[in-house]
Amino acid sequence: MVSGSKAGTSPHREIEVMRQSIDDHLAGLLPETDSQDIVSLAMREGVMAPGKRIRPLLMLLAARDLRYQGSMPTLLDLACAVELTHTASLMLDDMPCMDNAEQRRGQPTTHKKFGESVAILASVGLLSKAFGLIAATGDLPGERRAQAVNELSTAVGVQGLVLGQFRDLNDAALDRTPDAILSTNHLKTGILFSAMLQIVAIASASSSSTRETLHAFALDFGQAFQLLDDLRDDHPETGKDRNKDAGKSTLVNRLGADAARQKLREHIDSADKHLTFACPQGGAIRQFMHLWFGHHLADWSPVMKIA
């Protein structure tokens, strides 16, 4: 069971404790291996590279807000399954046939360090591990396990991340409308946020109305997250290649930075309102959301302060 905040513990400290628990669990799922097992080594190094862990963190916080009653190991399995999926998507996204990136999380990309064939196999291995974790979750009844697997499968598949990546590769240089850009951003980013919150809601036996509101929250949060990523495209501390969006029809390039920041603020406001309905008894996600965006955007708007 996920406990509430401890009195006297700062939100930043709590987040760091959660992040460490996620890292420890990931390390246990992908133990150190013989240097000859190159694919397993690439899987482990790709996952254990210093990352923000936003997705699993949000899942742990959502579990608190939704009064999750299951075990912490099960919750960590679910959260880490999403992180494995995310890392697999990054490995593929970085490939020469896609974004051709050289750096990720402050380190050489997987294909740069281990070769393209290993990067592809490592991503497949991570996806297989992710689905296996959810399918083997002992705490959940079979029907709910199947629902959770379906949520992740749909998010990854041809109507989710796959389609979003295809559109980003093939349409990004076109003169897209803002709505078309938002649609691609949802498929690239928001749909996995939605799936992971649905997985936590399923594990918490939440009502259908709560799940619908969490989906609406994820739509806004995902758009805000992608806008932040686009606004920071040339930032030297992102840990990845800079200026990769040059020449692409992102909202920042289409509308300008100021308008994109305003759109980001609107999505944060809307996400906050959805949380009020989805989690009326808890504010863990809300606090984290404002801390996260406030950290990066503190000088842009008072909207980013903690509510």
C-alpha atoms as a PDB file:
ATOM      1  CA  MET A   1       0.000   0.000   0.000  1.00  0.00           C
ATOM      2  CA  VAL A   2       1.246   3.514  -0.840  1.00  0.00           C
ATOM      3  CA  SER A   3       1.381   5.706   2.231  1.00  0.00           C
ATOM      4  CA  GLY A   4       0.792   9.441   2.331  1.00  0.00           C
ATOM      5  CA  SER A   5       3.370  12.156   2.819  1.00  0.00           C
ATOM      6  CA  LYS A   6       5.309  12.047   6.049  1.00  0.00           C
ATOM      7  CA  ALA A   7       5.066  15.107   8.264  1.00  0.00           C
ATOM      8  CA  GLY A   8       8.104  17.308   7.945  1.00  0.00           C
ATOM      9  CA  THR A   9       9.320  15.644   4.744  1.00  0.00           C
ATOM     10  CA  SER A  10       9.833  18.053   1.861  1.00  0.00           C
ATOM     11  CA  PRO A  11       8.174  17.239  -1.482  1.00  0.00           C
ATOM     12  CA  HIS A  12      11.582  17.285  -3.168  1.00  0.00           C
ATOM     13  CA  ARG A  13      12.953  14.751  -0.678  1.00  0.00           C
ATOM     14  CA  GLU A  14       9.944  12.495  -1.130  1.00  0.00           C
ATOM     15  CA  ILE A  15      10.368  12.528  -4.890  1.00  0.00           C
ATOM     16  CA  GLU A  16      14.028  11.597  -4.548  1.00  0.00           C
ATOM     17  CA  VAL A  17      13.148   8.684  -2.265  1.00  0.00           C
ATOM     18  CA  MET A  18      10.561   7.471  -4.784  1.00  0.00           C
ATOM     19  CA  ARG A  19      12.996   7.863  -7.659  1.00  0.00           C
ATOM     20  CA  GLN A  20      15.589   5.804  -5.798  1.00  0.00           C
ATOM     21  CA  SER A  21      13.048   3.045  -5.133  1.00  0.00           C
ATOM     22  CA  ILE A  22      12.284   2.979  -8.863  1.00  0.00           C
ATOM     23  CA  ASP A  23      15.967   2.829  -9.779  1.00  0.00           C
ATOM     24  CA  ASP A  24      16.563   0.036  -7.267  1.00  0.00           C
ATOM     25  CA  HIS A  25      13.651  -1.951  -8.653  1.00  0.00           C
ATOM     26  CA  LEU A  26      14.819  -1.456 -12.241  1.00  0.00           C
ATOM     27  CA  ALA A  27      18.293  -2.625 -11.266  1.00  0.00           C
ATOM     28  CA  GLY A  28      16.778  -5.777  -9.793  1.00  0.00           C
ATOM     29  CA  LEU A  29      14.768  -6.442 -12.942  1.00  0.00           C
ATOM     30  CA  LEU A  30      17.851  -6.016 -15.140  1.00  0.00           C
ATOM     31  CA  PRO A  31      20.769  -7.390 -13.104  1.00  0.00           C
ATOM     32  CA  GLU A  32      24.363  -6.928 -14.114  1.00  0.00           C
ATOM     33  CA  THR A  33      25.390  -9.461 -16.697  1.00  0.00           C
ATOM     34  CA  ASP A  34      28.438 -10.942 -18.329  1.00  0.00           C
ATOM     35  CA  SER A  35      30.075  -8.531 -20.744  1.00  0.00           C
ATOM     36  CA  GLN A  36      29.626 -11.113 -23.497  1.00  0.00           C
ATOM     37  CA  ASP A  37      25.830 -10.826 -23.215  1.00  0.00           C
ATOM     38  CA  ILE A  38      25.784  -7.626 -25.250  1.00  0.00           C
ATOM     39  CA  VAL A  39      22.018  -7.338 -25.695  1.00  0.00           C
ATOM     40  CA  SER A  40      21.314  -7.695 -21.971  1.00  0.00           C
ATOM     41  CA  LEU A  41      24.101  -5.218 -21.249  1.00  0.00           C
ATOM     42  CA  ALA A  42      22.596  -2.719 -23.689  1.00  0.00           C
ATOM     43  CA  MET A  43      19.159  -3.198 -22.111  1.00  0.00           C
ATOM     44  CA  ARG A  44      20.513  -2.525 -18.634  1.00  0.00           C
ATOM     45  CA  GLU A  45      22.650   0.453 -19.600  1.00  0.00           C
ATOM     46  CA  GLY A  46      19.837   2.036 -21.592  1.00  0.00           C
ATOM     47  CA  VAL A  47      17.419   1.754 -18.679  1.00  0.00           C
ATOM     48  CA  MET A  48      19.834   2.614 -15.881  1.00  0.00           C
ATOM     49  CA  ALA A  49      21.263   5.721 -17.565  1.00  0.00           C
ATOM     50  CA  PRO A  50      20.347   8.772 -15.460  1.00  0.00           C
ATOM     51  CA  GLY A  51      16.734   9.568 -16.315  1.00  0.00           C
ATOM     52  CA  LYS A  52      13.947  11.727 -14.922  1.00  0.00           C
ATOM     53  CA  ARG A  53      11.662   8.717 -14.265  1.00  0.00           C
ATOM     54  CA  ILE A  54       8.646  10.982 -14.776  1.00  0.00           C
ATOM     55  CA  ARG A  55       6.333   8.171 -15.844  1.00  0.00           C
ATOM     56  CA  PRO A  56       6.941   5.728 -12.986  1.00  0.00           C
ATOM     57  CA  LEU A  57       6.972   8.621 -10.511  1.00  0.00           C
ATOM     58  CA  LEU A  58       3.563   9.741 -11.716  1.00  0.00           C
ATOM     59  CA  MET A  59       2.293   6.196 -11.327  1.00  0.00           C
ATOM     60  CA  LEU A  60       3.417   5.987  -7.703  1.00  0.00           C
ATOM     61  CA  LEU A  61       1.877   9.380  -6.979  1.00  0.00           C
ATOM     62  CA  ALA A  62      -1.349   8.448  -8.749  1.00  0.00           C
ATOM     63  CA  ALA A  63      -1.534   5.287  -6.655  1.00  0.00           C
ATOM     64  CA  ARG A  64      -1.375   7.453  -3.533  1.00  0.00           C
ATOM     65  CA  ASP A  65      -4.113   9.759  -4.762  1.00  0.00           C
ATOM     66  CA  LEU A  66      -6.307   6.829  -5.828  1.00  0.00           C
ATOM     67  CA  ARG A  67      -5.872   5.031  -2.496  1.00  0.00           C
ATOM     68  CA  TYR A  68      -4.203   1.992  -4.036  1.00  0.00           C
ATOM     69  CA  GLN A  69      -4.411  -0.938  -1.595  1.00  0.00           C
ATOM     70  CA  GLY A  70      -2.095  -3.441  -3.268  1.00  0.00           C
ATOM     71  CA  SER A  71       1.530  -4.236  -2.511  1.00  0.00           C
ATOM     72  CA  MET A  72       4.424  -1.925  -3.272  1.00  0.00           C
ATOM     73  CA  PRO A  73       6.364  -4.603  -5.239  1.00  0.00           C
ATOM     74  CA  THR A  74       3.393  -5.016  -7.567  1.00  0.00           C
ATOM     75  CA  LEU A  75       3.056  -1.266  -8.021  1.00  0.00           C
ATOM     76  CA  LEU A  76       6.773  -0.961  -8.754  1.00  0.00           C
ATOM     77  CA  ASP A  77       6.497  -3.771 -11.308  1.00  0.00           C
ATOM     78  CA  LEU A  78       3.726  -1.874 -13.094  1.00  0.00           C
ATOM     79  CA  ALA A  79       5.604   1.430 -12.942  1.00  0.00           C
ATOM     80  CA  CYS A  80       8.862  -0.105 -14.126  1.00  0.00           C
ATOM     81  CA  ALA A  81       7.070  -1.882 -16.981  1.00  0.00           C
ATOM     82  CA  VAL A  82       6.128   1.549 -18.291  1.00  0.00           C
ATOM     83  CA  GLU A  83       9.690   2.821 -17.844  1.00  0.00           C
ATOM     84  CA  LEU A  84      11.045  -0.173 -19.781  1.00  0.00           C
ATOM     85  CA  THR A  85       8.563   0.573 -22.550  1.00  0.00           C
ATOM     86  CA  HIS A  86       9.554   4.221 -22.613  1.00  0.00           C
ATOM     87  CA  THR A  87      13.258   3.373 -22.791  1.00  0.00           C
ATOM     88  CA  ALA A  88      12.630   0.921 -25.636  1.00  0.00           C
ATOM     89  CA  SER A  89      10.824   3.669 -27.552  1.00  0.00           C
ATOM     90  CA  LEU A  90      13.775   6.024 -27.029  1.00  0.00           C
ATOM     91  CA  MET A  91      16.228   3.438 -28.361  1.00  0.00           C
ATOM     92  CA  LEU A  92      14.187   3.119 -31.552  1.00  0.00           C
ATOM     93  CA  ASP A  93      13.554   6.857 -31.786  1.00  0.00           C
ATOM     94  CA  ASP A  94      17.312   7.501 -31.711  1.00  0.00           C
ATOM     95  CA  MET A  95      18.145   5.109 -34.564  1.00  0.00           C
ATOM     96  CA  PRO A  96      19.802   6.473 -37.742  1.00  0.00           C
ATOM     97  CA  CYS A  97      16.701   5.598 -39.781  1.00  0.00           C
ATOM     98  CA  MET A  98      14.619   7.779 -37.447  1.00  0.00           C
ATOM     99  CA  ASP A  99      16.043  10.750 -35.509  1.00  0.00           C
ATOM    100  CA  ASN A 100      19.690   9.715 -35.909  1.00  0.00           C
ATOM    101  CA  ALA A 101      20.568  10.940 -32.418  1.00  0.00           C
ATOM    102  CA  GLU A 102      24.004  10.669 -30.876  1.00  0.00           C
ATOM    103  CA  GLN A 103      23.251  11.414 -27.226  1.00  0.00           C
ATOM    104  CA  ARG A 104      20.526  10.391 -24.791  1.00  0.00           C
ATOM    105  CA  ARG A 105      20.385  10.994 -21.046  1.00  0.00           C
ATOM    106  CA  GLY A 106      23.852  12.496 -21.217  1.00  0.00           C
ATOM    107  CA  GLN A 107      25.394   9.366 -22.734  1.00  0.00           C
ATOM    108  CA  PRO A 108      25.961   7.958 -26.228  1.00  0.00           C
ATOM    109  CA  THR A 109      22.782   6.501 -27.675  1.00  0.00           C
ATOM    110  CA  THR A 110      22.451   2.716 -27.630  1.00  0.00           C
ATOM    111  CA  HIS A 111      23.109   2.270 -31.335  1.00  0.00           C
ATOM    112  CA  LYS A 112      26.191   4.494 -31.090  1.00  0.00           C
ATOM    113  CA  LYS A 113      27.639   2.448 -28.257  1.00  0.00           C
ATOM    114  CA  PHE A 114      26.544  -1.075 -29.194  1.00  0.00           C
ATOM    115  CA  GLY A 115      25.546  -0.945 -32.860  1.00  0.00           C
ATOM    116  CA  GLU A 116      22.208  -0.737 -34.625  1.00  0.00           C
ATOM    117  CA  SER A 117      21.355  -4.434 -34.500  1.00  0.00           C
ATOM    118  CA  VAL A 118      21.936  -4.580 -30.747  1.00  0.00           C
ATOM    119  CA  ALA A 119      19.827  -1.446 -30.199  1.00  0.00           C
ATOM    120  CA  ILE A 120      16.890  -3.001 -32.066  1.00  0.00           C
ATOM    121  CA  LEU A 121      17.190  -6.294 -30.196  1.00  0.00           C
ATOM    122  CA  ALA A 122      17.559  -4.508 -26.848  1.00  0.00           C
ATOM    123  CA  SER A 123      14.392  -2.504 -27.471  1.00  0.00           C
ATOM    124  CA  VAL A 124      12.490  -5.701 -28.334  1.00  0.00           C
ATOM    125  CA  GLY A 125      13.872  -7.308 -25.190  1.00  0.00           C
ATOM    126  CA  LEU A 126      12.713  -4.394 -23.046  1.00  0.00           C
ATOM    127  CA  LEU A 127       9.222  -4.455 -24.539  1.00  0.00           C
ATOM    128  CA  SER A 128       8.988  -8.196 -23.930  1.00  0.00           C
ATOM    129  CA  LYS A 129      10.128  -7.708 -20.336  1.00  0.00           C
ATOM    130  CA  ALA A 130       7.567  -4.939 -19.804  1.00  0.00           C
ATOM    131  CA  PHE A 131       4.581  -6.969 -20.966  1.00  0.00           C
ATOM    132  CA  GLY A 132       5.813  -9.999 -19.050  1.00  0.00           C
ATOM    133  CA  LEU A 133       5.957  -7.980 -15.824  1.00  0.00           C
ATOM    134  CA  ILE A 134       2.340  -6.888 -16.085  1.00  0.00           C
ATOM    135  CA  ALA A 135       1.100 -10.306 -17.197  1.00  0.00           C
ATOM    136  CA  ALA A 136       2.812 -11.972 -14.222  1.00  0.00           C
ATOM    137  CA  THR A 137       1.526  -9.515 -11.608  1.00  0.00           C
ATOM    138  CA  GLY A 138       0.191 -11.703  -8.812  1.00  0.00           C
ATOM    139  CA  ASP A 139      -1.755  -9.041  -6.927  1.00  0.00           C
ATOM    140  CA  LEU A 140      -4.260  -8.354  -9.700  1.00  0.00           C
ATOM    141  CA  PRO A 141      -7.122 -10.642 -10.731  1.00  0.00           C
ATOM    142  CA  GLY A 142      -6.746 -12.077 -14.222  1.00  0.00           C
ATOM    143  CA  GLU A 143      -9.294  -9.757 -15.798  1.00  0.00           C
ATOM    144  CA  ARG A 144      -7.575  -6.646 -14.471  1.00  0.00           C
ATOM    145  CA  ARG A 145      -4.172  -7.947 -15.569  1.00  0.00           C
ATOM    146  CA  ALA A 146      -5.566  -8.396 -19.074  1.00  0.00           C
ATOM    147  CA  GLN A 147      -6.960  -4.846 -19.000  1.00  0.00           C
ATOM    148  CA  ALA A 148      -3.592  -3.457 -17.943  1.00  0.00           C
ATOM    149  CA  VAL A 149      -1.767  -5.360 -20.682  1.00  0.00           C
ATOM    150  CA  ASN A 150      -4.301  -4.107 -23.205  1.00  0.00           C
ATOM    151  CA  GLU A 151      -3.804  -0.492 -22.108  1.00  0.00           C
ATOM    152  CA  LEU A 152      -0.048  -0.701 -22.656  1.00  0.00           C
ATOM    153  CA  SER A 153      -0.395  -2.649 -25.899  1.00  0.00           C
ATOM    154  CA  THR A 154      -2.780  -0.078 -27.349  1.00  0.00           C
ATOM    155  CA  ALA A 155      -0.503   2.787 -26.326  1.00  0.00           C
ATOM    156  CA  VAL A 156       2.517   1.206 -28.006  1.00  0.00           C
ATOM    157  CA  GLY A 157       0.831  -0.140 -31.152  1.00  0.00           C
ATOM    158  CA  VAL A 158      -0.176   1.136 -34.557  1.00  0.00           C
ATOM    159  CA  GLN A 159      -2.761   3.504 -33.091  1.00  0.00           C
ATOM    160  CA  GLY A 160      -0.334   4.815 -30.464  1.00  0.00           C
ATOM    161  CA  LEU A 161       3.420   5.376 -30.281  1.00  0.00           C
ATOM    162  CA  VAL A 162       4.028   3.618 -33.591  1.00  0.00           C
ATOM    163  CA  LEU A 163       1.644   5.919 -35.446  1.00  0.00           C
ATOM    164  CA  GLY A 164       2.952   8.981 -33.622  1.00  0.00           C
ATOM    165  CA  GLN A 165       6.527   8.161 -34.579  1.00  0.00           C
ATOM    166  CA  PHE A 166       5.534   7.535 -38.189  1.00  0.00           C
ATOM    167  CA  ARG A 167       3.753  10.875 -38.407  1.00  0.00           C
ATOM    168  CA  ASP A 168       6.639  12.678 -36.754  1.00  0.00           C
ATOM    169  CA  LEU A 169       9.088  11.220 -39.247  1.00  0.00           C
ATOM    170  CA  ASN A 170       6.962  11.741 -42.337  1.00  0.00           C
ATOM    171  CA  ASP A 171       4.958  14.889 -41.607  1.00  0.00           C
ATOM    172  CA  ALA A 172       7.211  17.000 -39.399  1.00  0.00           C
ATOM    173  CA  ALA A 173       8.711  18.873 -42.358  1.00  0.00           C
ATOM    174  CA  LEU A 174       5.265  19.658 -43.787  1.00  0.00           C
ATOM    175  CA  ASP A 175       3.309  22.820 -43.114  1.00  0.00           C
ATOM    176  CA  ARG A 176       1.050  21.176 -40.530  1.00  0.00           C
ATOM    177  CA  THR A 177      -1.843  22.871 -38.770  1.00  0.00           C
ATOM    178  CA  PRO A 178      -1.625  23.324 -34.988  1.00  0.00           C
ATOM    179  CA  ASP A 179      -4.341  20.688 -34.567  1.00  0.00           C
ATOM    180  CA  ALA A 180      -2.336  18.190 -36.617  1.00  0.00           C
ATOM    181  CA  ILE A 181       0.726  18.894 -34.481  1.00  0.00           C
ATOM    182  CA  LEU A 182      -1.292  18.422 -31.286  1.00  0.00           C
ATOM    183  CA  SER A 183      -2.621  15.113 -32.595  1.00  0.00           C
ATOM    184  CA  THR A 184       0.887  13.837 -33.304  1.00  0.00           C
ATOM    185  CA  ASN A 185       2.112  15.091 -29.918  1.00  0.00           C
ATOM    186  CA  HIS A 186      -0.623  13.108 -28.204  1.00  0.00           C
ATOM    187  CA  LEU A 187       0.381   9.938 -30.019  1.00  0.00           C
ATOM    188  CA  LYS A 188       4.084  10.518 -29.336  1.00  0.00           C
ATOM    189  CA  THR A 189       3.763  11.508 -25.693  1.00  0.00           C
ATOM    190  CA  GLY A 190       0.305  11.796 -24.189  1.00  0.00           C
ATOM    191  CA  ILE A 191      -0.962   8.334 -25.015  1.00  0.00           C
ATOM    192  CA  LEU A 192       1.627   6.612 -22.815  1.00  0.00           C
ATOM    193  CA  PHE A 193       0.836   9.004 -19.957  1.00  0.00           C
ATOM    194  CA  SER A 194      -2.806   8.045 -20.356  1.00  0.00           C
ATOM    195  CA  ALA A 195      -2.092   4.312 -20.481  1.00  0.00           C
ATOM    196  CA  MET A 196       0.075   4.327 -17.369  1.00  0.00           C
ATOM    197  CA  LEU A 197      -2.535   6.205 -15.333  1.00  0.00           C
ATOM    198  CA  GLN A 198      -5.191   3.817 -16.577  1.00  0.00           C
ATOM    199  CA  ILE A 199      -3.017   0.930 -15.382  1.00  0.00           C
ATOM    200  CA  VAL A 200      -2.793   2.451 -11.904  1.00  0.00           C
ATOM    201  CA  ALA A 201      -6.538   3.132 -11.911  1.00  0.00           C
ATOM    202  CA  ILE A 202      -7.190  -0.501 -12.880  1.00  0.00           C
ATOM    203  CA  ALA A 203      -4.903  -1.707 -10.088  1.00  0.00           C
ATOM    204  CA  SER A 204      -6.721   0.629  -7.671  1.00  0.00           C
ATOM    205  CA  ALA A 205     -10.188  -0.545  -8.799  1.00  0.00           C
ATOM    206  CA  SER A 206     -11.131   3.052  -9.650  1.00  0.00           C
ATOM    207  CA  SER A 207     -14.500   3.952 -11.123  1.00  0.00           C
ATOM    208  CA  SER A 208     -15.047   4.467 -14.839  1.00  0.00           C
ATOM    209  CA  SER A 209     -15.681   8.179 -14.255  1.00  0.00           C
ATOM    210  CA  THR A 210     -12.342   8.528 -12.462  1.00  0.00           C
ATOM    211  CA  ARG A 211     -10.609   6.739 -15.313  1.00  0.00           C
ATOM    212  CA  GLU A 212     -12.222   9.058 -17.867  1.00  0.00           C
ATOM    213  CA  THR A 213     -11.083  12.131 -15.944  1.00  0.00           C
ATOM    214  CA  LEU A 214      -7.548  10.746 -15.595  1.00  0.00           C
ATOM    215  CA  HIS A 215      -7.510  10.259 -19.356  1.00  0.00           C
ATOM    216  CA  ALA A 216      -8.488  13.916 -19.821  1.00  0.00           C
ATOM    217  CA  PHE A 217      -5.735  14.931 -17.396  1.00  0.00           C
ATOM    218  CA  ALA A 218      -3.192  12.850 -19.324  1.00  0.00           C
ATOM    219  CA  LEU A 219      -4.157  14.560 -22.596  1.00  0.00           C
ATOM    220  CA  ASP A 220      -3.324  17.962 -21.126  1.00  0.00           C
ATOM    221  CA  PHE A 221      -0.281  16.806 -19.189  1.00  0.00           C
ATOM    222  CA  GLY A 222       1.148  15.108 -22.269  1.00  0.00           C
ATOM    223  CA  GLN A 223       0.701  18.217 -24.393  1.00  0.00           C
ATOM    224  CA  ALA A 224       2.339  20.383 -21.736  1.00  0.00           C
ATOM    225  CA  PHE A 225       5.200  17.910 -21.387  1.00  0.00           C
ATOM    226  CA  GLN A 226       5.818  17.856 -25.147  1.00  0.00           C
ATOM    227  CA  LEU A 227       5.654  21.649 -25.354  1.00  0.00           C
ATOM    228  CA  LEU A 228       8.238  21.907 -22.594  1.00  0.00           C
ATOM    229  CA  ASP A 229      10.460  19.466 -24.452  1.00  0.00           C
ATOM    230  CA  ASP A 230      10.118  21.482 -27.670  1.00  0.00           C
ATOM    231  CA  LEU A 231      10.809  24.772 -25.901  1.00  0.00           C
ATOM    232  CA  ARG A 232      13.981  23.292 -24.427  1.00  0.00           C
ATOM    233  CA  ASP A 233      15.217  21.889 -27.746  1.00  0.00           C
ATOM    234  CA  ASP A 234      18.338  24.060 -27.660  1.00  0.00           C
ATOM    235  CA  HIS A 235      18.921  23.805 -23.911  1.00  0.00           C
ATOM    236  CA  PRO A 236      22.424  22.530 -23.058  1.00  0.00           C
ATOM    237  CA  GLU A 237      21.298  20.414 -20.075  1.00  0.00           C
ATOM    238  CA  THR A 238      18.676  18.158 -21.647  1.00  0.00           C
ATOM    239  CA  GLY A 239      21.122  15.262 -21.962  1.00  0.00           C
ATOM    240  CA  LYS A 240      20.320  14.760 -25.639  1.00  0.00           C
ATOM    241  CA  ASP A 241      21.180  16.259 -29.019  1.00  0.00           C
ATOM    242  CA  ARG A 242      20.385  19.955 -29.280  1.00  0.00           C
ATOM    243  CA  ASN A 243      18.379  21.707 -32.001  1.00  0.00           C
ATOM    244  CA  LYS A 244      16.879  18.493 -33.369  1.00  0.00           C
ATOM    245  CA  ASP A 245      13.626  20.359 -34.091  1.00  0.00           C
ATOM    246  CA  ALA A 246      15.196  22.782 -36.550  1.00  0.00           C
ATOM    247  CA  GLY A 247      13.074  22.765 -39.681  1.00  0.00           C
ATOM    248  CA  LYS A 248      10.275  20.703 -38.091  1.00  0.00           C
ATOM    249  CA  SER A 249       6.705  21.960 -37.768  1.00  0.00           C
ATOM    250  CA  THR A 250       6.472  21.936 -33.984  1.00  0.00           C
ATOM    251  CA  LEU A 251       4.110  24.282 -32.179  1.00  0.00           C
ATOM    252  CA  VAL A 252       7.118  26.314 -31.041  1.00  0.00           C
ATOM    253  CA  ASN A 253       8.295  26.788 -34.626  1.00  0.00           C
ATOM    254  CA  ARG A 254       4.768  27.303 -35.926  1.00  0.00           C
ATOM    255  CA  LEU A 255       3.400  29.707 -33.283  1.00  0.00           C
ATOM    256  CA  GLY A 256       6.552  31.123 -31.726  1.00  0.00           C
ATOM    257  CA  ALA A 257       7.978  30.574 -28.251  1.00  0.00           C
ATOM    258  CA  ASP A 258       5.691  33.045 -26.451  1.00  0.00           C
ATOM    259  CA  ALA A 259       2.504  31.525 -27.875  1.00  0.00           C
ATOM    260  CA  ALA A 260       3.795  28.036 -27.142  1.00  0.00           C
ATOM    261  CA  ARG A 261       4.426  29.009 -23.516  1.00  0.00           C
ATOM    262  CA  GLN A 262       0.886  30.318 -23.281  1.00  0.00           C
ATOM    263  CA  LYS A 263      -0.446  27.043 -24.685  1.00  0.00           C
ATOM    264  CA  LEU A 264       1.623  25.201 -22.107  1.00  0.00           C
ATOM    265  CA  ARG A 265       0.084  27.299 -19.313  1.00  0.00           C
ATOM    266  CA  GLU A 266      -3.400  26.558 -20.627  1.00  0.00           C
ATOM    267  CA  HIS A 267      -2.727  22.819 -20.626  1.00  0.00           C
ATOM    268  CA  ILE A 268      -1.389  22.987 -17.060  1.00  0.00           C
ATOM    269  CA  ASP A 269      -4.511  24.866 -15.917  1.00  0.00           C
ATOM    270  CA  SER A 270      -6.762  22.359 -17.626  1.00  0.00           C
ATOM    271  CA  ALA A 271      -4.825  19.387 -16.242  1.00  0.00           C
ATOM    272  CA  ASP A 272      -5.131  20.859 -12.752  1.00  0.00           C
ATOM    273  CA  LYS A 273      -8.907  21.118 -13.081  1.00  0.00           C
ATOM    274  CA  HIS A 274      -9.196  17.499 -14.191  1.00  0.00           C
ATOM    275  CA  LEU A 275      -7.213  16.385 -11.141  1.00  0.00           C
ATOM    276  CA  THR A 276      -9.693  18.155  -8.874  1.00  0.00           C
ATOM    277  CA  PHE A 277     -12.384  15.771 -10.100  1.00  0.00           C
ATOM    278  CA  ALA A 278     -10.275  12.636 -10.487  1.00  0.00           C
ATOM    279  CA  CYS A 279      -8.511  12.795  -7.115  1.00  0.00           C
ATOM    280  CA  PRO A 280     -10.545  15.056  -4.791  1.00  0.00           C
ATOM    281  CA  GLN A 281      -8.983  13.499  -1.675  1.00  0.00           C
ATOM    282  CA  GLY A 282      -5.358  13.654  -2.793  1.00  0.00           C
ATOM    283  CA  GLY A 283      -2.964  16.169  -4.227  1.00  0.00           C
ATOM    284  CA  ALA A 284       0.237  14.199  -4.796  1.00  0.00           C
ATOM    285  CA  ILE A 285       0.087  14.393  -8.590  1.00  0.00           C
ATOM    286  CA  ARG A 286      -0.917  18.053  -8.548  1.00  0.00           C
ATOM    287  CA  GLN A 287       1.960  18.977  -6.251  1.00  0.00           C
ATOM    288  CA  PHE A 288       4.421  17.084  -8.413  1.00  0.00           C
ATOM    289  CA  MET A 289       3.093  18.641 -11.612  1.00  0.00           C
ATOM    290  CA  HIS A 290       3.579  22.156 -10.318  1.00  0.00           C
ATOM    291  CA  LEU A 291       6.967  21.342  -8.837  1.00  0.00           C
ATOM    292  CA  TRP A 292       8.111  19.830 -12.122  1.00  0.00           C
ATOM    293  CA  PHE A 293       6.984  22.581 -14.445  1.00  0.00           C
ATOM    294  CA  GLY A 294       7.847  25.229 -11.881  1.00  0.00           C
ATOM    295  CA  HIS A 295      11.427  23.968 -11.790  1.00  0.00           C
ATOM    296  CA  HIS A 296      11.820  24.500 -15.527  1.00  0.00           C
ATOM    297  CA  LEU A 297       9.549  27.490 -16.023  1.00  0.00           C
ATOM    298  CA  ALA A 298       9.825  29.425 -12.767  1.00  0.00           C
ATOM    299  CA  ASP A 299      10.669  32.679 -14.518  1.00  0.00           C
ATOM    300  CA  TRP A 300       7.879  32.417 -17.079  1.00  0.00           C
ATOM    301  CA  SER A 301       4.617  32.531 -15.161  1.00  0.00           C
ATOM    302  CA  PRO A 302       3.084  32.587 -11.661  1.00  0.00           C
ATOM    303  CA  VAL A 303       0.721  29.882 -12.951  1.00  0.00           C
ATOM    304  CA  MET A 304       3.564  27.428 -12.400  1.00  0.00           C
ATOM    305  CA  LYS A 305       3.653  27.881  -8.622  1.00  0.00           C
ATOM    306  CA  ILE A 306       2.434  25.089  -6.377  1.00  0.00           C
ATOM    307  CA  ALA A 307      -1.319  25.345  -5.815  1.00  0.00           C
END
